[in-house]
Amino acid sequence: MPPEWQRMTLALLPLALGVTIAAGASSGALPDQPAGKHVCLSPAETREIVAARKLSAPFAVLRTAGTHAHGETIGVHLCRLNEELMYEVTVLRRDGRVVKVVLDAASGKIVRTLNDR
């Protein structure tokens, strides 16, 4: 491959990765999950559902996820995947990686960890 093509390929690689990541993020489903209806709830809806269904408290879930992923929690969402309620907790690890920990909203147990490599 000529040097010009190599430079052009290297210059376009970040753009291609950005488009791929954006397309994956807009699909609505978490990676490694079957396609289904995936909707995250607003803070007001989250408060109502946590109180009505006696789900795990978001602060306890934050602590569990942060400890599990060895980092600082930077966000949490209560989401509905099909008919199941799951907390999606975003954790910033000390090495700079962002990890997503998915926990069952009823039990507070970890279901899976994404981007933990």
C-alpha atoms as a PDB file:
ATOM      1  CA  MET A   1       0.000   0.000   0.000  1.00  0.00           C
ATOM      2  CA  PRO A   2       1.423   3.401  -0.959  1.00  0.00           C
ATOM      3  CA  PRO A   3       2.316   5.775   1.912  1.00  0.00           C
ATOM      4  CA  GLU A   4      -0.446   8.188   0.850  1.00  0.00           C
ATOM      5  CA  TRP A   5      -3.066   5.469   1.311  1.00  0.00           C
ATOM      6  CA  GLN A   6      -1.647   4.537   4.703  1.00  0.00           C
ATOM      7  CA  ARG A   7      -1.851   8.151   5.893  1.00  0.00           C
ATOM      8  CA  MET A   8      -5.421   8.495   4.580  1.00  0.00           C
ATOM      9  CA  THR A   9      -6.449   5.225   6.245  1.00  0.00           C
ATOM     10  CA  LEU A  10      -4.979   6.334   9.558  1.00  0.00           C
ATOM     11  CA  ALA A  11      -6.661   9.733   9.238  1.00  0.00           C
ATOM     12  CA  LEU A  12     -10.103   8.202   8.564  1.00  0.00           C
ATOM     13  CA  LEU A  13      -9.895   5.467  11.203  1.00  0.00           C
ATOM     14  CA  PRO A  14     -11.104   7.655  14.127  1.00  0.00           C
ATOM     15  CA  LEU A  15     -14.063   8.818  12.030  1.00  0.00           C
ATOM     16  CA  ALA A  16     -15.026   5.243  11.174  1.00  0.00           C
ATOM     17  CA  LEU A  17     -14.768   4.184  14.812  1.00  0.00           C
ATOM     18  CA  GLY A  18     -16.902   7.147  15.894  1.00  0.00           C
ATOM     19  CA  VAL A  19     -19.640   6.244  13.419  1.00  0.00           C
ATOM     20  CA  THR A  20     -19.560   2.608  14.525  1.00  0.00           C
ATOM     21  CA  ILE A  21     -19.794   3.552  18.202  1.00  0.00           C
ATOM     22  CA  ALA A  22     -22.601   6.040  17.564  1.00  0.00           C
ATOM     23  CA  ALA A  23     -24.556   3.460  15.570  1.00  0.00           C
ATOM     24  CA  GLY A  24     -24.175   0.929  18.396  1.00  0.00           C
ATOM     25  CA  ALA A  25     -25.243   3.454  21.006  1.00  0.00           C
ATOM     26  CA  SER A  26     -28.360   4.425  19.097  1.00  0.00           C
ATOM     27  CA  SER A  27     -29.591   0.851  18.672  1.00  0.00           C
ATOM     28  CA  GLY A  28     -31.234   0.966  22.115  1.00  0.00           C
ATOM     29  CA  ALA A  29     -30.078  -2.453  23.306  1.00  0.00           C
ATOM     30  CA  LEU A  30     -27.074  -3.098  25.471  1.00  0.00           C
ATOM     31  CA  PRO A  31     -24.200  -4.974  23.845  1.00  0.00           C
ATOM     32  CA  ASP A  32     -24.351  -8.746  24.332  1.00  0.00           C
ATOM     33  CA  GLN A  33     -28.122  -8.642  24.836  1.00  0.00           C
ATOM     34  CA  PRO A  34     -30.871  -9.860  22.580  1.00  0.00           C
ATOM     35  CA  ALA A  35     -32.758  -7.175  20.722  1.00  0.00           C
ATOM     36  CA  GLY A  36     -35.753  -6.011  22.674  1.00  0.00           C
ATOM     37  CA  LYS A  37     -37.418  -2.920  23.968  1.00  0.00           C
ATOM     38  CA  HIS A  38     -34.833  -1.020  26.035  1.00  0.00           C
ATOM     39  CA  VAL A  39     -36.051   2.185  27.684  1.00  0.00           C
ATOM     40  CA  CYS A  40     -34.352   4.116  30.466  1.00  0.00           C
ATOM     41  CA  LEU A  41     -36.645   5.979  32.839  1.00  0.00           C
ATOM     42  CA  SER A  42     -36.511   9.594  33.962  1.00  0.00           C
ATOM     43  CA  PRO A  43     -35.476  10.437  37.546  1.00  0.00           C
ATOM     44  CA  ALA A  44     -39.120  11.120  38.483  1.00  0.00           C
ATOM     45  CA  GLU A  45     -40.272   7.786  37.027  1.00  0.00           C
ATOM     46  CA  THR A  46     -37.388   6.058  38.798  1.00  0.00           C
ATOM     47  CA  ARG A  47     -38.422   7.482  42.193  1.00  0.00           C
ATOM     48  CA  GLU A  48     -42.026   6.374  41.649  1.00  0.00           C
ATOM     49  CA  ILE A  49     -41.141   2.845  40.583  1.00  0.00           C
ATOM     50  CA  VAL A  50     -38.533   2.348  43.329  1.00  0.00           C
ATOM     51  CA  ALA A  51     -41.111   3.356  45.948  1.00  0.00           C
ATOM     52  CA  ALA A  52     -44.008   1.408  44.420  1.00  0.00           C
ATOM     53  CA  ARG A  53     -42.136  -1.848  43.769  1.00  0.00           C
ATOM     54  CA  LYS A  54     -39.709  -1.656  46.697  1.00  0.00           C
ATOM     55  CA  LEU A  55     -36.690  -2.018  44.435  1.00  0.00           C
ATOM     56  CA  SER A  56     -33.095  -1.777  45.569  1.00  0.00           C
ATOM     57  CA  ALA A  57     -32.171   1.787  46.485  1.00  0.00           C
ATOM     58  CA  PRO A  58     -30.065   3.523  43.817  1.00  0.00           C
ATOM     59  CA  PHE A  59     -27.380   4.521  46.343  1.00  0.00           C
ATOM     60  CA  ALA A  60     -26.867   0.899  47.424  1.00  0.00           C
ATOM     61  CA  VAL A  61     -26.609  -0.102  43.767  1.00  0.00           C
ATOM     62  CA  LEU A  62     -24.017   2.639  43.159  1.00  0.00           C
ATOM     63  CA  ARG A  63     -21.894   1.351  46.024  1.00  0.00           C
ATOM     64  CA  THR A  64     -22.117  -2.260  44.803  1.00  0.00           C
ATOM     65  CA  ALA A  65     -21.203  -1.346  41.214  1.00  0.00           C
ATOM     66  CA  GLY A  66     -18.308   0.919  42.228  1.00  0.00           C
ATOM     67  CA  THR A  67     -16.820  -1.764  44.454  1.00  0.00           C
ATOM     68  CA  HIS A  68     -17.287  -4.448  41.811  1.00  0.00           C
ATOM     69  CA  ALA A  69     -15.669  -2.418  39.007  1.00  0.00           C
ATOM     70  CA  HIS A  70     -12.948  -0.889  41.249  1.00  0.00           C
ATOM     71  CA  GLY A  71     -13.788   2.687  40.357  1.00  0.00           C
ATOM     72  CA  GLU A  72     -15.949   5.739  40.934  1.00  0.00           C
ATOM     73  CA  THR A  73     -19.578   5.660  39.878  1.00  0.00           C
ATOM     74  CA  ILE A  74     -20.481   8.523  37.580  1.00  0.00           C
ATOM     75  CA  GLY A  75     -24.052   7.698  36.606  1.00  0.00           C
ATOM     76  CA  VAL A  76     -27.008   5.390  37.124  1.00  0.00           C
ATOM     77  CA  HIS A  77     -30.203   4.776  35.176  1.00  0.00           C
ATOM     78  CA  LEU A  78     -33.163   2.550  35.887  1.00  0.00           C
ATOM     79  CA  CYS A  79     -34.023   0.897  32.585  1.00  0.00           C
ATOM     80  CA  ARG A  80     -36.664  -1.481  31.372  1.00  0.00           C
ATOM     81  CA  LEU A  81     -35.474  -4.256  29.073  1.00  0.00           C
ATOM     82  CA  ASN A  82     -38.597  -5.933  27.783  1.00  0.00           C
ATOM     83  CA  GLU A  83     -40.424  -6.372  31.103  1.00  0.00           C
ATOM     84  CA  GLU A  84     -37.401  -6.547  33.434  1.00  0.00           C
ATOM     85  CA  LEU A  85     -36.091  -3.573  35.421  1.00  0.00           C
ATOM     86  CA  MET A  86     -32.321  -3.176  35.504  1.00  0.00           C
ATOM     87  CA  TYR A  87     -29.990  -0.539  36.866  1.00  0.00           C
ATOM     88  CA  GLU A  88     -27.256   0.514  34.460  1.00  0.00           C
ATOM     89  CA  VAL A  89     -24.385   2.025  36.421  1.00  0.00           C
ATOM     90  CA  THR A  90     -21.498   3.785  34.695  1.00  0.00           C
ATOM     91  CA  VAL A  91     -18.182   3.482  36.531  1.00  0.00           C
ATOM     92  CA  LEU A  92     -14.923   5.320  35.834  1.00  0.00           C
ATOM     93  CA  ARG A  93     -12.008   3.095  36.739  1.00  0.00           C
ATOM     94  CA  ARG A  94      -8.669   4.339  37.980  1.00  0.00           C
ATOM     95  CA  ASP A  95      -7.045   3.309  34.698  1.00  0.00           C
ATOM     96  CA  GLY A  96      -9.380   5.712  32.841  1.00  0.00           C
ATOM     97  CA  ARG A  97     -11.688   3.085  31.376  1.00  0.00           C
ATOM     98  CA  VAL A  98     -15.441   3.502  31.593  1.00  0.00           C
ATOM     99  CA  VAL A  99     -17.265   0.322  32.600  1.00  0.00           C
ATOM    100  CA  LYS A 100     -21.010  -0.308  32.617  1.00  0.00           C
ATOM    101  CA  VAL A 101     -22.345  -2.570  35.370  1.00  0.00           C
ATOM    102  CA  VAL A 102     -25.871  -3.926  34.936  1.00  0.00           C
ATOM    103  CA  LEU A 103     -27.711  -4.940  38.114  1.00  0.00           C
ATOM    104  CA  ASP A 104     -31.105  -6.512  38.699  1.00  0.00           C
ATOM    105  CA  ALA A 105     -33.293  -3.750  40.143  1.00  0.00           C
ATOM    106  CA  ALA A 106     -35.243  -6.039  42.465  1.00  0.00           C
ATOM    107  CA  SER A 107     -32.357  -7.940  44.054  1.00  0.00           C
ATOM    108  CA  GLY A 108     -29.460  -5.532  43.508  1.00  0.00           C
ATOM    109  CA  LYS A 109     -27.314  -8.410  42.211  1.00  0.00           C
ATOM    110  CA  ILE A 110     -24.896  -7.909  39.354  1.00  0.00           C
ATOM    111  CA  VAL A 111     -26.177  -9.327  36.064  1.00  0.00           C
ATOM    112  CA  ARG A 112     -23.219  -8.436  33.840  1.00  0.00           C
ATOM    113  CA  THR A 113     -20.303  -6.071  33.395  1.00  0.00           C
ATOM    114  CA  LEU A 114     -19.648  -4.468  30.018  1.00  0.00           C
ATOM    115  CA  ASN A 115     -16.322  -3.080  28.707  1.00  0.00           C
ATOM    116  CA  ASP A 116     -14.412  -4.726  31.576  1.00  0.00           C
ATOM    117  CA  ARG A 117     -11.251  -5.842  29.787  1.00  0.00           C
END
